[in-house]
């Protein structure tokens, strides 16, 4: 296994776009190539996350993107692991370089769903669940995560105000993120007064459907040092899974795949959570951030909600979570989300995150979830100088 580094990144603004997914992914890829200062012909292959190509009646996106980049002879792979597609693309790109098969690869993710009506988009999202027993019987992802939230409330005594504090914090962070979908502050009254989506989750407990793309260039250490004096090292990239159907799990307040992938990533990186300066976690709903903070070992089980309410996850707190604004406010372009988390950590470790910068950040962790944890990808990245 060779050391692998991130040497450049690119990202589009998250939100509504008129451009097609292929165009958004090409824009982010071009930005990543320019950021890395690499001759595109040195890129051996591409790995892209995309979950809902059907929305544009377009599958097989990889060759379209590579052709637009002038790399039509290079192989491209599109991966679909629901909302973890971008993180999975990153993981496969990492393995390609770490295993010595390529010295430089392009990874990324893209989604475009804003042209769909809410019912259609929600139905497409539900395809990532165990559709026979969940989505197909009327239990959409808001309903599944609401089940997790209600179970957490009953088991640990948390409240809707605790969830609201997660949303408020992430909106505060997104104000300073120029690519964020939702750049507006919200109050406790805004959250608690918003319409119910699936009790106890409200509109402001949920992330928006977003369009967007993100990309990164991964290289072996030797190539990376030819390109930059500040490569960002990938200390670990691990994947794990959970029982697909939420109702079949022994604990509805936790994602087994997140625990397994998190522990494996920290072990491979030879660090603990106290060695990590910021965490980009998959907060598709506010309860998901609380669960992630416990599954990753930042807080003991049942205390993540109080930690959020006490401000321990804010910038400057004990464990900084989602300085980007997270899925909740930065946005959730499904196939791009995991790659976008990499972009945020890369910028943070280079000290380029502006008003949301975590002071002195040298190591970051990303946590990207597909569905209710059927797929989980956890990555640890670090700056060594």
Protein backbone atom coordinates (compact mmCIF):
# COMPACT_ATOMS: atom_id res chain seq x y z
CA UNK A 1 0.00 0.00 0.00
CA UNK A 2 1.40 3.36 -1.08
CA UNK A 3 0.71 6.69 0.60
CA UNK A 4 -2.00 8.58 -1.26
CA UNK A 5 -2.52 12.34 -1.28
CA UNK A 6 -5.15 14.85 -2.38
CA UNK A 7 -3.44 17.54 -4.48
CA UNK A 8 -6.34 19.56 -5.85
CA UNK A 9 -10.10 19.96 -5.54
CA UNK A 10 -13.00 21.56 -7.36
CA UNK A 11 -16.63 22.20 -6.49
CA UNK A 12 -19.67 23.91 -7.95
CA UNK A 13 -22.13 25.91 -5.92
CA UNK A 14 -24.82 23.70 -4.40
CA UNK A 15 -28.43 24.61 -5.14
CA UNK A 16 -30.51 24.78 -8.29
CA UNK A 17 -28.78 24.48 -11.66
CA UNK A 18 -29.93 24.55 -15.26
CA UNK A 19 -26.80 22.72 -16.39
CA UNK A 20 -26.92 18.96 -16.86
CA UNK A 21 -25.10 16.64 -14.46
CA UNK A 22 -22.41 15.94 -17.06
CA UNK A 23 -21.72 19.69 -17.35
CA UNK A 24 -21.60 20.22 -13.58
CA UNK A 25 -19.21 17.29 -13.14
CA UNK A 26 -17.00 18.58 -15.96
CA UNK A 27 -16.83 22.03 -14.32
CA UNK A 28 -15.82 20.61 -10.94
CA UNK A 29 -13.28 18.28 -12.58
CA UNK A 30 -11.69 21.10 -14.56
CA UNK A 31 -11.40 23.13 -11.35
CA UNK A 32 -9.75 20.19 -9.56
CA UNK A 33 -7.25 19.68 -12.40
CA UNK A 34 -6.40 23.39 -12.37
CA UNK A 35 -6.12 23.38 -8.57
CA UNK A 36 -3.68 20.46 -8.73
CA UNK A 37 -1.64 21.96 -11.54
CA UNK A 38 -1.50 18.54 -13.17
CA UNK A 39 -1.30 17.72 -16.87
CA UNK A 40 -4.68 16.03 -17.46
CA UNK A 41 -2.99 13.31 -19.52
CA UNK A 42 -1.29 12.06 -16.34
CA UNK A 43 -4.71 11.08 -14.98
CA UNK A 44 -5.14 7.33 -15.46
CA UNK A 45 -8.84 6.95 -14.68
CA UNK A 46 -11.94 8.49 -13.16
CA UNK A 47 -14.36 7.40 -10.43
CA UNK A 48 -17.66 9.27 -10.10
CA UNK A 49 -20.59 9.00 -7.70
CA UNK A 50 -24.09 9.41 -9.13
CA UNK A 51 -27.33 8.00 -7.78
CA UNK A 52 -30.11 9.39 -9.97
CA UNK A 53 -28.93 9.56 -13.56
CA UNK A 54 -32.42 8.30 -14.38
CA UNK A 55 -33.69 11.79 -13.53
CA UNK A 56 -32.04 13.04 -16.72
CA UNK A 57 -32.52 9.76 -18.59
CA UNK A 58 -28.76 9.41 -18.68
CA UNK A 59 -26.75 6.52 -17.34
CA UNK A 60 -23.09 5.75 -18.04
CA UNK A 61 -21.95 9.28 -17.17
CA UNK A 62 -18.25 8.40 -16.88
CA UNK A 63 -17.31 8.41 -20.58
CA UNK A 64 -19.25 11.64 -21.13
CA UNK A 65 -17.23 13.40 -18.43
CA UNK A 66 -13.88 11.99 -19.53
CA UNK A 67 -14.62 12.93 -23.16
CA UNK A 68 -15.43 16.49 -22.14
CA UNK A 69 -12.07 16.64 -20.36
CA UNK A 70 -10.16 15.37 -23.43
CA UNK A 71 -9.51 12.05 -21.69
CA UNK A 72 -11.80 9.90 -23.80
CA UNK A 73 -9.37 6.97 -23.88
CA UNK A 74 -9.13 6.78 -20.07
CA UNK A 75 -11.50 4.43 -18.21
CA UNK A 76 -14.20 5.82 -15.96
CA UNK A 77 -16.37 4.11 -13.36
CA UNK A 78 -19.67 5.43 -12.02
CA UNK A 79 -20.63 4.08 -8.60
CA UNK A 80 -24.04 4.10 -6.92
CA UNK A 81 -24.32 3.54 -3.19
CA UNK A 82 -27.24 5.92 -2.60
CA UNK A 83 -26.17 9.02 -0.67
CA UNK A 84 -22.69 7.53 -0.09
CA UNK A 85 -21.90 7.41 -3.82
CA UNK A 86 -19.39 10.27 -3.70
CA UNK A 87 -17.57 8.81 -0.71
CA UNK A 88 -17.48 5.40 -2.38
CA UNK A 89 -16.00 6.92 -5.55
CA UNK A 90 -13.30 8.50 -3.38
CA UNK A 91 -12.66 5.17 -1.65
CA UNK A 92 -12.20 3.33 -4.95
CA UNK A 93 -9.92 6.04 -6.28
CA UNK A 94 -7.85 5.80 -3.11
CA UNK A 95 -7.52 2.02 -3.49
CA UNK A 96 -6.53 2.41 -7.15
CA UNK A 97 -3.59 4.63 -6.23
CA UNK A 98 -2.69 2.91 -2.96
CA UNK A 99 -2.54 -0.43 -4.77
CA UNK A 100 -0.13 0.90 -7.37
CA UNK A 101 -2.50 0.58 -10.33
CA UNK A 102 -2.45 4.33 -11.06
CA UNK A 103 -0.31 7.29 -10.03
CA UNK A 104 -3.06 9.87 -10.49
CA UNK A 105 -6.84 9.55 -10.63
CA UNK A 106 -9.81 11.90 -10.78
CA UNK A 107 -12.64 11.28 -8.32
CA UNK A 108 -15.90 13.10 -7.91
CA UNK A 109 -19.64 13.02 -7.64
CA UNK A 110 -22.60 14.80 -9.15
CA UNK A 111 -26.37 15.02 -8.92
CA UNK A 112 -29.13 17.05 -10.52
CA UNK A 113 -32.65 16.62 -9.17
CA UNK A 114 -34.07 20.14 -8.85
CA UNK A 115 -36.18 19.75 -12.00
CA UNK A 116 -38.17 16.98 -10.29
CA UNK A 117 -41.30 17.58 -8.26
CA UNK A 118 -41.04 16.75 -4.55
CA UNK A 119 -43.01 13.51 -4.78
CA UNK A 120 -40.87 12.16 -7.61
CA UNK A 121 -37.61 13.19 -5.96
CA UNK A 122 -38.65 11.68 -2.63
CA UNK A 123 -39.62 8.46 -4.43
CA UNK A 124 -36.25 8.27 -6.16
CA UNK A 125 -34.54 8.75 -2.81
CA UNK A 126 -36.66 5.95 -1.34
CA UNK A 127 -35.20 3.57 -3.92
CA UNK A 128 -32.07 3.57 -1.75
CA UNK A 129 -33.97 1.95 1.13
CA UNK A 130 -35.12 -1.66 1.34
CA UNK A 131 -37.89 -0.67 -1.05
CA UNK A 132 -39.95 -3.83 -0.65
CA UNK A 133 -40.40 -3.26 3.09
CA UNK A 134 -39.69 0.47 3.52
CA UNK A 135 -40.03 2.92 0.64
CA UNK A 136 -42.50 0.75 -1.24
CA UNK A 137 -44.84 0.63 1.74
CA UNK A 138 -44.81 4.38 2.25
CA UNK A 139 -41.89 4.84 4.64
CA UNK A 140 -39.69 7.44 2.98
CA UNK A 141 -36.34 8.58 4.36
CA UNK A 142 -37.93 11.36 6.43
CA UNK A 143 -40.08 8.64 8.02
CA UNK A 144 -37.12 6.34 8.66
CA UNK A 145 -35.02 9.06 10.27
CA UNK A 146 -38.07 10.23 12.23
CA UNK A 147 -38.29 6.69 13.59
CA UNK A 148 -34.67 6.99 14.69
CA UNK A 149 -35.35 10.36 16.29
CA UNK A 150 -38.42 9.17 18.19
CA UNK A 151 -36.53 6.11 19.42
CA UNK A 152 -33.65 8.34 20.54
CA UNK A 153 -36.07 10.62 22.41
CA UNK A 154 -37.65 7.69 24.22
CA UNK A 155 -34.35 6.05 25.07
CA UNK A 156 -32.26 9.08 26.06
CA UNK A 157 -34.68 11.89 26.85
CA UNK A 158 -33.63 14.28 24.08
CA UNK A 159 -36.06 16.87 22.74
CA UNK A 160 -36.96 18.70 19.54
CA UNK A 161 -35.00 21.68 20.84
CA UNK A 162 -31.84 19.56 20.89
CA UNK A 163 -32.36 18.71 17.22
CA UNK A 164 -33.02 22.37 16.46
CA UNK A 165 -29.64 23.37 17.90
CA UNK A 166 -27.95 21.17 15.29
CA UNK A 167 -29.81 22.94 12.50
CA UNK A 168 -29.09 26.41 13.90
CA UNK A 169 -25.37 25.66 14.22
CA UNK A 170 -25.05 24.33 10.69
CA UNK A 171 -26.91 27.29 9.21
CA UNK A 172 -24.58 29.62 11.12
CA UNK A 173 -21.59 27.85 9.56
CA UNK A 174 -23.02 27.87 6.03
CA UNK A 175 -23.25 31.67 6.09
CA UNK A 176 -19.47 31.62 5.56
CA UNK A 177 -19.50 28.97 2.81
CA UNK A 178 -19.76 30.50 -0.68
CA UNK A 179 -20.94 27.21 -2.25
CA UNK A 180 -23.67 26.49 0.33
CA UNK A 181 -27.25 25.99 -0.83
CA UNK A 182 -28.83 27.65 2.21
CA UNK A 183 -26.99 30.78 3.32
CA UNK A 184 -29.29 32.15 5.96
CA UNK A 185 -29.37 32.10 9.72
CA UNK A 186 -32.30 30.51 11.50
CA UNK A 187 -33.60 30.74 15.06
CA UNK A 188 -35.06 28.27 17.51
CA UNK A 189 -38.48 29.72 16.72
CA UNK A 190 -37.90 29.18 12.98
CA UNK A 191 -37.08 25.52 13.49
CA UNK A 192 -39.79 24.68 16.02
CA UNK A 193 -42.37 26.63 14.04
CA UNK A 194 -41.62 25.00 10.69
CA UNK A 195 -44.02 22.43 9.29
CA UNK A 196 -43.82 18.80 10.34
CA UNK A 197 -42.23 16.54 7.73
CA UNK A 198 -42.37 13.31 9.74
CA UNK A 199 -42.95 13.66 13.47
CA UNK A 200 -40.80 14.73 15.29
CA UNK A 201 -38.77 16.00 12.31
CA UNK A 202 -39.70 19.38 10.86
CA UNK A 203 -38.76 21.17 7.66
CA UNK A 204 -35.67 22.74 9.26
CA UNK A 205 -34.51 19.35 10.54
CA UNK A 206 -34.10 18.18 6.95
CA UNK A 207 -31.45 18.89 4.33
CA UNK A 208 -32.50 20.31 0.94
CA UNK A 209 -32.47 18.48 -2.38
CA UNK A 210 -29.51 20.06 -4.16
CA UNK A 211 -27.82 20.03 -7.54
CA UNK A 212 -24.04 20.19 -7.64
CA UNK A 213 -20.73 18.46 -8.24
CA UNK A 214 -17.39 18.07 -6.45
CA UNK A 215 -14.07 16.57 -7.53
CA UNK A 216 -10.54 15.86 -6.34
CA UNK A 217 -7.24 14.66 -7.78
CA UNK A 218 -5.58 11.79 -5.90
CA UNK A 219 -1.90 10.93 -6.43
CA UNK A 220 0.78 8.72 -4.97
CA UNK A 221 3.17 10.56 -2.64
CA UNK A 222 5.98 10.89 -5.21
CA UNK A 223 3.69 12.44 -7.82
CA UNK A 224 2.05 14.64 -5.21
CA UNK A 225 5.37 16.13 -4.13
CA UNK A 226 6.12 17.01 -7.74
CA UNK A 227 2.92 19.04 -7.83
CA UNK A 228 2.72 20.74 -4.44
CA UNK A 229 4.60 21.51 -1.25
CA UNK A 230 1.45 20.89 0.80
CA UNK A 231 -0.09 17.54 -0.17
CA UNK A 232 -2.96 16.39 2.02
CA UNK A 233 -2.42 12.77 3.02
CA UNK A 234 -5.22 10.20 3.12
CA UNK A 235 -4.42 8.37 6.34
CA UNK A 236 -7.40 6.04 6.04
CA UNK A 237 -10.38 5.25 3.82
CA UNK A 238 -12.70 2.56 5.13
CA UNK A 239 -16.15 1.25 4.21
CA UNK A 240 -18.68 -0.81 6.13
CA UNK A 241 -22.33 -1.75 5.98
CA UNK A 242 -25.43 -2.24 8.11
CA UNK A 243 -28.56 -4.38 7.82
CA UNK A 244 -30.40 -2.62 5.01
CA UNK A 245 -33.83 -2.42 6.65
CA UNK A 246 -33.98 -0.22 9.73
CA UNK A 247 -36.64 -2.36 11.45
CA UNK A 248 -34.36 -5.42 11.42
CA UNK A 249 -31.69 -3.75 13.59
CA UNK A 250 -31.38 -4.25 17.35
CA UNK A 251 -30.86 -0.50 17.99
CA UNK A 252 -32.72 2.18 16.03
CA UNK A 253 -30.54 5.01 17.37
CA UNK A 254 -27.26 3.95 15.80
CA UNK A 255 -25.78 2.96 12.42
CA UNK A 256 -23.68 -0.21 12.81
CA UNK A 257 -21.82 0.56 9.58
CA UNK A 258 -20.75 3.95 10.93
CA UNK A 259 -19.35 2.39 14.08
CA UNK A 260 -17.45 -0.25 12.10
CA UNK A 261 -16.09 2.10 9.42
CA UNK A 262 -15.18 4.73 11.99
CA UNK A 263 -13.29 2.34 14.20
CA UNK A 264 -11.48 0.82 11.22
CA UNK A 265 -10.50 4.24 9.85
CA UNK A 266 -9.17 5.51 13.18
CA UNK A 267 -7.25 2.28 13.69
CA UNK A 268 -5.67 2.44 10.24
CA UNK A 269 -4.78 6.10 10.72
CA UNK A 270 -3.39 5.25 14.18
CA UNK A 271 -5.25 8.13 15.81
CA UNK A 272 -8.16 8.75 18.16
CA UNK A 273 -11.03 11.21 17.75
CA UNK A 274 -9.14 13.60 20.01
CA UNK A 275 -6.45 13.82 17.32
CA UNK A 276 -9.01 14.98 14.73
CA UNK A 277 -9.66 18.73 14.42
CA UNK A 278 -12.90 18.68 12.44
CA UNK A 279 -15.57 16.23 11.36
CA UNK A 280 -17.71 16.46 8.24
CA UNK A 281 -20.57 14.07 8.96
CA UNK A 282 -23.66 13.01 7.04
CA UNK A 283 -26.43 15.11 8.63
CA UNK A 284 -29.22 14.45 6.13
CA UNK A 285 -31.47 15.09 9.14
CA UNK A 286 -30.51 16.65 12.45
CA UNK A 287 -30.85 13.34 14.26
CA UNK A 288 -28.27 11.87 11.85
CA UNK A 289 -25.58 14.29 13.07
CA UNK A 290 -26.28 13.37 16.68
CA UNK A 291 -26.13 9.65 15.87
CA UNK A 292 -22.88 10.16 13.94
CA UNK A 293 -21.26 12.02 16.82
CA UNK A 294 -21.90 8.99 19.03
CA UNK A 295 -21.18 6.28 16.44
CA UNK A 296 -17.78 7.83 15.71
CA UNK A 297 -16.94 7.98 19.42
CA UNK A 298 -16.93 11.75 19.89
CA UNK A 299 -19.49 11.47 22.70
CA UNK A 300 -20.85 8.60 24.78
CA UNK A 301 -24.07 7.01 23.63
CA UNK A 302 -27.06 9.10 24.62
CA UNK A 303 -25.05 12.31 25.20
CA UNK A 304 -24.67 13.59 21.63
CA UNK A 305 -27.86 15.65 21.74
CA UNK A 306 -26.79 17.45 24.94
CA UNK A 307 -23.33 18.02 23.47
CA UNK A 308 -24.89 19.79 20.51
CA UNK A 309 -27.13 21.88 22.75
CA UNK A 310 -24.15 22.80 24.95
CA UNK A 311 -22.21 24.09 21.91
CA UNK A 312 -19.51 21.41 22.00
CA UNK A 313 -19.84 20.82 18.25
CA UNK A 314 -19.55 24.44 17.18
CA UNK A 315 -16.38 25.94 15.72
CA UNK A 316 -14.18 26.46 18.76
CA UNK A 317 -15.91 23.64 20.65
CA UNK A 318 -14.53 20.30 21.83
CA UNK A 319 -15.33 18.44 18.59
CA UNK A 320 -16.10 20.67 15.61
CA UNK A 321 -18.79 19.11 13.41
CA UNK A 322 -19.78 20.32 9.95
CA UNK A 323 -18.03 23.68 9.70
CA UNK A 324 -19.13 23.63 6.04
CA UNK A 325 -22.78 23.78 7.07
CA UNK A 326 -23.18 20.06 6.47
CA UNK A 327 -25.84 18.52 4.30
CA UNK A 328 -28.33 20.49 6.39
CA UNK A 329 -27.27 23.89 5.03
CA UNK A 330 -24.40 23.39 2.57
CA UNK A 331 -26.76 21.05 0.74
CA UNK A 332 -27.09 17.46 -0.41
CA UNK A 333 -26.45 16.76 -4.09
CA UNK A 334 -26.62 13.04 -3.41
CA UNK A 335 -23.83 11.64 -5.59
CA UNK A 336 -21.59 14.63 -4.86
CA UNK A 337 -21.98 14.85 -1.08
CA UNK A 338 -19.11 12.56 -0.07
CA UNK A 339 -16.73 14.22 -2.53
CA UNK A 340 -17.85 17.63 -1.29
CA UNK A 341 -16.89 16.62 2.25
CA UNK A 342 -13.36 15.92 0.96
CA UNK A 343 -13.25 19.39 -0.60
CA UNK A 344 -14.16 20.97 2.74
CA UNK A 345 -11.53 19.07 4.70
CA UNK A 346 -8.89 19.82 2.05
CA UNK A 347 -9.61 23.56 2.27
CA UNK A 348 -9.67 23.47 6.06
CA UNK A 349 -6.29 21.72 6.28
CA UNK A 350 -4.76 24.29 3.94
CA UNK A 351 -6.23 27.14 6.01
CA UNK A 352 -8.39 28.29 3.09
CA UNK A 353 -11.87 28.03 4.64
CA UNK A 354 -12.38 31.73 5.34
CA UNK A 355 -14.94 32.65 7.99
CA UNK A 356 -15.63 29.01 8.86
CA UNK A 357 -11.94 28.11 9.32
CA UNK A 358 -11.12 25.78 12.21
CA UNK A 359 -8.05 27.32 13.78
CA UNK A 360 -4.90 25.24 13.34
CA UNK A 361 -6.67 22.32 11.67
CA UNK A 362 -4.22 19.57 10.74
CA UNK A 363 -6.49 16.51 10.53
CA UNK A 364 -10.09 15.99 9.41
CA UNK A 365 -12.54 13.10 9.15
CA UNK A 366 -15.40 12.60 6.70
CA UNK A 367 -18.42 10.35 7.27
CA UNK A 368 -20.68 9.66 4.28
CA UNK A 369 -23.81 7.51 4.64
CA UNK A 370 -25.94 5.69 2.09
CA UNK A 371 -29.61 5.35 3.06
CA UNK A 372 -29.86 4.61 6.82
CA UNK A 373 -26.35 3.19 6.92
CA UNK A 374 -26.47 0.34 4.41
CA UNK A 375 -23.21 1.87 3.17
CA UNK A 376 -20.90 4.06 5.25
CA UNK A 377 -17.54 5.52 4.17
CA UNK A 378 -15.18 7.12 6.69
CA UNK A 379 -11.99 8.88 5.62
CA UNK A 380 -9.19 10.48 7.63
CA UNK A 381 -7.08 13.18 5.97
CA UNK A 382 -4.11 15.05 7.41
CA UNK A 383 -1.58 17.76 6.64
CA UNK A 384 1.96 16.82 7.68
CA UNK A 385 3.73 20.17 7.40
